[in-house]
């Protein structure tokens, strides 16, 4: 597992939240829990980040993702950075959630070359 550069992560309170999330049993419970926990704006931001991951796995370009989700390419770039250089959280969940480890993320940023395997 990759290490966080922030030595205070995760805090005990964060760990408590993560354990609470693991107790969610259904999509309806998740919907209700996250709606109580987060604002609509926060939910939209988290949803967009997750959609960026999914669309990157599908091989979509940064520009196409930004246009589809109505977000900036800077947001796509930031999510891509954490996908490739984070703690592998996106990769682990994406592989379980919708990809089963069979796809590659193609880095289609205009300045990038080649592809990166996940």
N, C-alpha and C. Protein backbone atom coordinates (compact mmCIF):
# COMPACT_ATOMS: atom_id res chain seq x y z
N UNK A 1 0.84 -1.17 0.00
CA UNK A 1 0.00 0.00 0.00
C UNK A 1 0.88 1.23 0.00
N UNK A 2 0.50 2.24 -0.79
CA UNK A 2 1.23 3.49 -0.82
C UNK A 2 0.97 4.25 0.46
N UNK A 3 1.93 5.03 0.86
CA UNK A 3 1.81 5.82 2.07
C UNK A 3 1.38 7.24 1.74
N UNK A 4 0.60 7.84 2.62
CA UNK A 4 0.21 9.23 2.47
C UNK A 4 1.35 10.10 2.94
N UNK A 5 1.56 11.23 2.26
CA UNK A 5 2.59 12.16 2.69
C UNK A 5 2.15 12.94 3.92
N UNK A 6 0.88 12.93 4.22
CA UNK A 6 0.34 13.61 5.39
C UNK A 6 0.30 12.59 6.53
N UNK A 7 1.19 12.75 7.51
CA UNK A 7 1.29 11.76 8.58
C UNK A 7 0.08 11.74 9.50
N UNK A 8 -0.81 12.75 9.41
CA UNK A 8 -2.01 12.75 10.25
C UNK A 8 -3.17 12.02 9.59
N UNK A 9 -2.93 11.46 8.42
CA UNK A 9 -4.00 10.75 7.70
C UNK A 9 -3.82 9.26 7.85
N UNK A 10 -4.85 8.53 8.15
CA UNK A 10 -6.17 9.00 8.58
C UNK A 10 -6.20 9.23 10.08
N UNK A 11 -6.98 10.19 10.48
CA UNK A 11 -7.15 10.46 11.91
C UNK A 11 -8.06 9.39 12.50
N UNK A 12 -8.07 9.26 13.81
CA UNK A 12 -9.01 8.31 14.42
C UNK A 12 -10.47 8.60 14.05
N UNK A 13 -10.84 9.86 13.95
CA UNK A 13 -12.22 10.19 13.58
C UNK A 13 -12.51 9.77 12.14
N UNK A 14 -11.54 9.93 11.26
CA UNK A 14 -11.71 9.48 9.87
C UNK A 14 -11.87 7.97 9.82
N UNK A 15 -11.06 7.26 10.58
CA UNK A 15 -11.18 5.80 10.61
C UNK A 15 -12.57 5.39 11.09
N UNK A 16 -13.10 6.10 12.07
CA UNK A 16 -14.44 5.82 12.57
C UNK A 16 -15.47 6.00 11.46
N UNK A 17 -15.34 7.07 10.67
CA UNK A 17 -16.24 7.29 9.54
C UNK A 17 -16.11 6.16 8.53
N UNK A 18 -14.90 5.76 8.20
CA UNK A 18 -14.69 4.70 7.21
C UNK A 18 -15.31 3.40 7.68
N UNK A 19 -15.20 3.10 8.97
CA UNK A 19 -15.83 1.89 9.50
C UNK A 19 -17.35 1.99 9.44
N UNK A 20 -17.89 3.18 9.69
CA UNK A 20 -19.34 3.36 9.58
C UNK A 20 -19.80 3.12 8.14
N UNK A 21 -19.04 3.62 7.18
CA UNK A 21 -19.39 3.43 5.77
C UNK A 21 -19.41 1.95 5.42
N UNK A 22 -18.48 1.19 5.97
CA UNK A 22 -18.44 -0.25 5.70
C UNK A 22 -19.66 -0.99 6.23
N UNK A 23 -20.41 -0.36 7.11
CA UNK A 23 -21.63 -0.99 7.67
C UNK A 23 -22.87 -0.75 6.80
N UNK A 24 -22.73 0.06 5.77
CA UNK A 24 -23.86 0.31 4.86
C UNK A 24 -24.16 -0.99 4.11
N UNK A 25 -25.44 -1.37 4.06
CA UNK A 25 -25.79 -2.67 3.48
C UNK A 25 -26.46 -2.61 2.12
N UNK A 26 -27.08 -1.50 1.77
CA UNK A 26 -27.80 -1.44 0.50
C UNK A 26 -27.53 -0.11 -0.20
N UNK A 27 -27.77 -0.05 -1.51
CA UNK A 27 -27.64 1.23 -2.20
C UNK A 27 -28.57 2.31 -1.61
N UNK A 28 -29.77 1.93 -1.18
CA UNK A 28 -30.67 2.90 -0.57
C UNK A 28 -30.10 3.44 0.74
N UNK A 29 -29.52 2.57 1.56
CA UNK A 29 -28.87 3.03 2.79
C UNK A 29 -27.72 3.97 2.47
N UNK A 30 -26.93 3.64 1.44
CA UNK A 30 -25.82 4.50 1.05
C UNK A 30 -26.34 5.86 0.61
N UNK A 31 -27.39 5.85 -0.22
CA UNK A 31 -27.98 7.10 -0.69
C UNK A 31 -28.43 7.96 0.47
N UNK A 32 -29.13 7.37 1.41
CA UNK A 32 -29.64 8.12 2.56
C UNK A 32 -28.52 8.61 3.46
N UNK A 33 -27.53 7.76 3.71
CA UNK A 33 -26.41 8.13 4.58
C UNK A 33 -25.64 9.30 3.98
N UNK A 34 -25.26 9.18 2.69
CA UNK A 34 -24.46 10.23 2.08
C UNK A 34 -25.25 11.51 1.89
N UNK A 35 -26.56 11.42 1.69
CA UNK A 35 -27.37 12.64 1.59
C UNK A 35 -27.44 13.35 2.92
N UNK A 36 -27.49 12.60 4.01
CA UNK A 36 -27.46 13.23 5.34
C UNK A 36 -26.08 13.80 5.66
N UNK A 37 -25.05 13.12 5.22
CA UNK A 37 -23.67 13.51 5.55
C UNK A 37 -23.18 14.71 4.73
N UNK A 38 -23.55 14.75 3.45
CA UNK A 38 -22.98 15.72 2.52
C UNK A 38 -24.04 16.66 1.95
N UNK A 39 -23.58 17.82 1.48
CA UNK A 39 -24.47 18.72 0.76
C UNK A 39 -24.65 18.18 -0.67
N UNK A 40 -25.65 18.70 -1.37
CA UNK A 40 -25.84 18.30 -2.77
C UNK A 40 -24.61 18.67 -3.59
N UNK A 41 -24.03 19.84 -3.34
CA UNK A 41 -22.82 20.25 -4.07
C UNK A 41 -21.67 19.27 -3.82
N UNK A 42 -21.50 18.82 -2.58
CA UNK A 42 -20.44 17.85 -2.27
C UNK A 42 -20.71 16.51 -2.96
N UNK A 43 -21.96 16.08 -2.94
CA UNK A 43 -22.32 14.84 -3.63
C UNK A 43 -22.04 14.92 -5.12
N UNK A 44 -22.37 16.06 -5.73
CA UNK A 44 -22.11 16.24 -7.16
C UNK A 44 -20.61 16.21 -7.44
N UNK A 45 -19.81 16.84 -6.59
CA UNK A 45 -18.36 16.83 -6.77
C UNK A 45 -17.80 15.41 -6.67
N UNK A 46 -18.21 14.67 -5.66
CA UNK A 46 -17.73 13.29 -5.50
C UNK A 46 -18.18 12.42 -6.68
N UNK A 47 -19.42 12.63 -7.10
CA UNK A 47 -19.95 11.87 -8.24
C UNK A 47 -19.16 12.16 -9.50
N UNK A 48 -18.85 13.43 -9.74
CA UNK A 48 -18.06 13.78 -10.91
C UNK A 48 -16.68 13.13 -10.87
N UNK A 49 -16.04 13.14 -9.71
CA UNK A 49 -14.72 12.51 -9.61
C UNK A 49 -14.80 11.02 -9.94
N UNK A 50 -15.82 10.37 -9.44
CA UNK A 50 -15.98 8.93 -9.71
C UNK A 50 -16.26 8.70 -11.19
N UNK A 51 -17.07 9.57 -11.80
CA UNK A 51 -17.34 9.44 -13.23
C UNK A 51 -16.07 9.67 -14.05
N UNK A 52 -15.21 10.58 -13.61
CA UNK A 52 -13.93 10.79 -14.30
C UNK A 52 -13.14 9.49 -14.31
N UNK A 53 -13.05 8.82 -13.17
CA UNK A 53 -12.32 7.55 -13.10
C UNK A 53 -12.92 6.56 -14.09
N UNK A 54 -14.21 6.41 -14.06
CA UNK A 54 -14.89 5.46 -14.95
C UNK A 54 -14.60 5.79 -16.42
N UNK A 55 -14.72 7.06 -16.78
CA UNK A 55 -14.53 7.44 -18.18
C UNK A 55 -13.07 7.33 -18.61
N UNK A 56 -12.14 7.56 -17.69
CA UNK A 56 -10.73 7.33 -18.00
C UNK A 56 -10.49 5.85 -18.30
N UNK A 57 -11.09 4.98 -17.50
CA UNK A 57 -10.97 3.54 -17.74
C UNK A 57 -11.55 3.15 -19.09
N UNK A 58 -12.57 3.88 -19.52
CA UNK A 58 -13.18 3.59 -20.82
C UNK A 58 -12.39 4.16 -21.98
N UNK A 59 -11.31 4.91 -21.67
CA UNK A 59 -10.44 5.43 -22.71
C UNK A 59 -10.84 6.78 -23.26
N UNK A 60 -11.72 7.47 -22.59
CA UNK A 60 -12.18 8.77 -23.08
C UNK A 60 -11.08 9.82 -22.87
N UNK A 61 -11.02 10.81 -23.76
CA UNK A 61 -10.04 11.88 -23.63
C UNK A 61 -10.40 12.83 -22.51
N UNK A 62 -9.41 13.56 -22.03
CA UNK A 62 -9.65 14.56 -20.98
C UNK A 62 -10.71 15.56 -21.44
N UNK A 63 -10.56 16.05 -22.66
CA UNK A 63 -11.48 17.05 -23.18
C UNK A 63 -12.90 16.51 -23.27
N UNK A 64 -13.05 15.28 -23.73
CA UNK A 64 -14.38 14.68 -23.85
C UNK A 64 -15.01 14.47 -22.48
N UNK A 65 -14.20 14.06 -21.51
CA UNK A 65 -14.71 13.88 -20.14
C UNK A 65 -15.17 15.22 -19.59
N UNK A 66 -14.34 16.24 -19.74
CA UNK A 66 -14.69 17.57 -19.23
C UNK A 66 -15.99 18.07 -19.85
N UNK A 67 -16.12 17.87 -21.14
CA UNK A 67 -17.33 18.33 -21.84
C UNK A 67 -18.55 17.54 -21.37
N UNK A 68 -18.42 16.23 -21.29
CA UNK A 68 -19.56 15.39 -20.88
C UNK A 68 -20.03 15.73 -19.47
N UNK A 69 -19.07 15.92 -18.56
CA UNK A 69 -19.43 16.16 -17.16
C UNK A 69 -19.58 17.63 -16.82
N UNK A 70 -19.28 18.49 -17.81
CA UNK A 70 -19.34 19.94 -17.61
C UNK A 70 -18.43 20.37 -16.45
N UNK A 71 -17.19 19.89 -16.51
CA UNK A 71 -16.17 20.24 -15.53
C UNK A 71 -14.93 20.71 -16.30
N UNK A 72 -13.95 21.23 -15.57
CA UNK A 72 -12.73 21.69 -16.23
C UNK A 72 -11.78 20.53 -16.49
N UNK A 73 -10.92 20.71 -17.48
CA UNK A 73 -9.89 19.69 -17.72
C UNK A 73 -8.92 19.65 -16.54
N UNK A 74 -8.82 20.74 -15.77
CA UNK A 74 -7.98 20.73 -14.56
C UNK A 74 -8.51 19.70 -13.56
N UNK A 75 -9.83 19.60 -13.45
CA UNK A 75 -10.42 18.60 -12.55
C UNK A 75 -10.11 17.20 -13.05
N UNK A 76 -10.22 16.98 -14.34
CA UNK A 76 -9.89 15.67 -14.91
C UNK A 76 -8.42 15.35 -14.65
N UNK A 77 -7.55 16.33 -14.84
CA UNK A 77 -6.12 16.14 -14.61
C UNK A 77 -5.85 15.80 -13.15
N UNK A 78 -6.52 16.48 -12.23
CA UNK A 78 -6.33 16.23 -10.80
C UNK A 78 -6.76 14.81 -10.43
N UNK A 79 -7.92 14.38 -10.92
CA UNK A 79 -8.38 13.02 -10.65
C UNK A 79 -7.41 12.01 -11.24
N UNK A 80 -6.94 12.27 -12.46
CA UNK A 80 -5.99 11.36 -13.10
C UNK A 80 -4.71 11.26 -12.28
N UNK A 81 -4.25 12.39 -11.75
CA UNK A 81 -3.05 12.37 -10.91
C UNK A 81 -3.24 11.41 -9.74
N UNK A 82 -4.36 11.54 -9.04
CA UNK A 82 -4.59 10.68 -7.88
C UNK A 82 -4.84 9.22 -8.28
N UNK A 83 -5.40 9.02 -9.45
CA UNK A 83 -5.58 7.66 -9.96
C UNK A 83 -4.22 6.98 -10.16
N UNK A 84 -3.26 7.71 -10.70
CA UNK A 84 -1.95 7.14 -10.98
C UNK A 84 -0.95 7.25 -9.83
N UNK A 85 -1.10 8.27 -8.97
CA UNK A 85 -0.07 8.54 -7.96
C UNK A 85 -0.63 8.64 -6.55
N UNK A 86 -1.85 8.21 -6.37
CA UNK A 86 -2.46 8.27 -5.04
C UNK A 86 -2.17 7.01 -4.24
N UNK A 87 -3.10 6.64 -3.41
CA UNK A 87 -2.94 5.48 -2.52
C UNK A 87 -3.61 4.24 -3.08
N UNK A 88 -3.93 4.25 -4.37
CA UNK A 88 -4.55 3.13 -5.09
C UNK A 88 -6.00 2.86 -4.68
N UNK A 89 -6.62 3.81 -4.01
CA UNK A 89 -8.02 3.66 -3.64
C UNK A 89 -8.94 3.64 -4.84
N UNK A 90 -8.75 4.58 -5.77
CA UNK A 90 -9.56 4.58 -6.98
C UNK A 90 -9.42 3.26 -7.71
N UNK A 91 -8.19 2.79 -7.87
CA UNK A 91 -7.95 1.57 -8.63
C UNK A 91 -8.62 0.36 -7.99
N UNK A 92 -8.47 0.23 -6.69
CA UNK A 92 -9.03 -0.93 -6.00
C UNK A 92 -10.55 -0.97 -6.13
N UNK A 93 -11.19 0.15 -5.90
CA UNK A 93 -12.65 0.17 -5.94
C UNK A 93 -13.16 0.08 -7.37
N UNK A 94 -12.50 0.77 -8.30
CA UNK A 94 -12.92 0.71 -9.71
C UNK A 94 -12.83 -0.72 -10.23
N UNK A 95 -11.76 -1.40 -9.91
CA UNK A 95 -11.62 -2.78 -10.38
C UNK A 95 -12.71 -3.68 -9.83
N UNK A 96 -13.13 -3.45 -8.60
CA UNK A 96 -14.21 -4.24 -8.02
C UNK A 96 -15.57 -3.79 -8.50
N UNK A 97 -15.74 -2.50 -8.68
CA UNK A 97 -17.07 -1.95 -8.95
C UNK A 97 -17.55 -2.17 -10.37
N UNK A 98 -16.68 -1.93 -11.34
CA UNK A 98 -17.19 -1.98 -12.70
C UNK A 98 -16.22 -2.47 -13.74
N UNK A 99 -15.03 -2.82 -13.36
CA UNK A 99 -14.06 -3.15 -14.39
C UNK A 99 -13.42 -4.51 -14.26
N UNK A 100 -13.38 -5.03 -13.08
CA UNK A 100 -12.81 -6.36 -12.84
C UNK A 100 -11.39 -6.49 -13.40
N UNK A 101 -10.65 -5.38 -13.41
CA UNK A 101 -9.24 -5.40 -13.76
C UNK A 101 -8.91 -5.66 -15.21
N UNK A 102 -9.87 -5.54 -16.11
CA UNK A 102 -9.65 -5.93 -17.49
C UNK A 102 -9.28 -4.77 -18.42
N UNK A 103 -9.48 -3.55 -17.99
CA UNK A 103 -9.24 -2.41 -18.86
C UNK A 103 -7.98 -1.66 -18.45
N UNK A 104 -7.49 -0.85 -19.37
CA UNK A 104 -6.36 0.02 -19.09
C UNK A 104 -6.82 1.46 -19.14
N UNK A 105 -6.19 2.30 -18.34
CA UNK A 105 -6.43 3.72 -18.45
C UNK A 105 -5.49 4.26 -19.50
N UNK A 106 -6.04 4.90 -20.49
CA UNK A 106 -5.23 5.52 -21.53
C UNK A 106 -5.09 6.98 -21.15
N UNK A 107 -3.84 7.44 -20.98
CA UNK A 107 -3.61 8.83 -20.64
C UNK A 107 -3.71 9.64 -21.91
N UNK A 108 -4.84 10.27 -22.12
CA UNK A 108 -5.11 10.98 -23.37
C UNK A 108 -5.06 12.48 -23.19
N UNK A 109 -4.27 12.92 -22.27
CA UNK A 109 -4.05 14.35 -22.13
C UNK A 109 -3.26 14.82 -23.34
N UNK A 110 -3.52 16.01 -23.85
CA UNK A 110 -2.85 16.45 -25.07
C UNK A 110 -1.33 16.42 -24.98
N UNK A 111 -0.78 16.61 -23.80
CA UNK A 111 0.67 16.62 -23.64
C UNK A 111 1.23 15.23 -23.31
N UNK A 112 0.36 14.26 -23.08
CA UNK A 112 0.82 12.94 -22.65
C UNK A 112 1.07 12.03 -23.85
N UNK A 113 1.86 11.03 -23.60
CA UNK A 113 2.13 10.03 -24.63
C UNK A 113 1.93 8.64 -24.04
N UNK A 114 1.39 7.74 -24.85
CA UNK A 114 1.28 6.34 -24.43
C UNK A 114 0.12 6.11 -23.49
N UNK A 115 0.15 4.97 -22.84
CA UNK A 115 -0.91 4.62 -21.90
C UNK A 115 -0.31 4.05 -20.66
N UNK A 116 -1.12 4.07 -19.61
CA UNK A 116 -0.69 3.55 -18.33
C UNK A 116 -1.61 2.43 -17.92
N UNK A 117 -1.06 1.31 -17.56
CA UNK A 117 -1.87 0.19 -17.11
C UNK A 117 -2.26 0.40 -15.66
N UNK A 118 -3.45 -0.04 -15.33
CA UNK A 118 -3.90 0.07 -13.94
C UNK A 118 -3.82 -1.28 -13.29
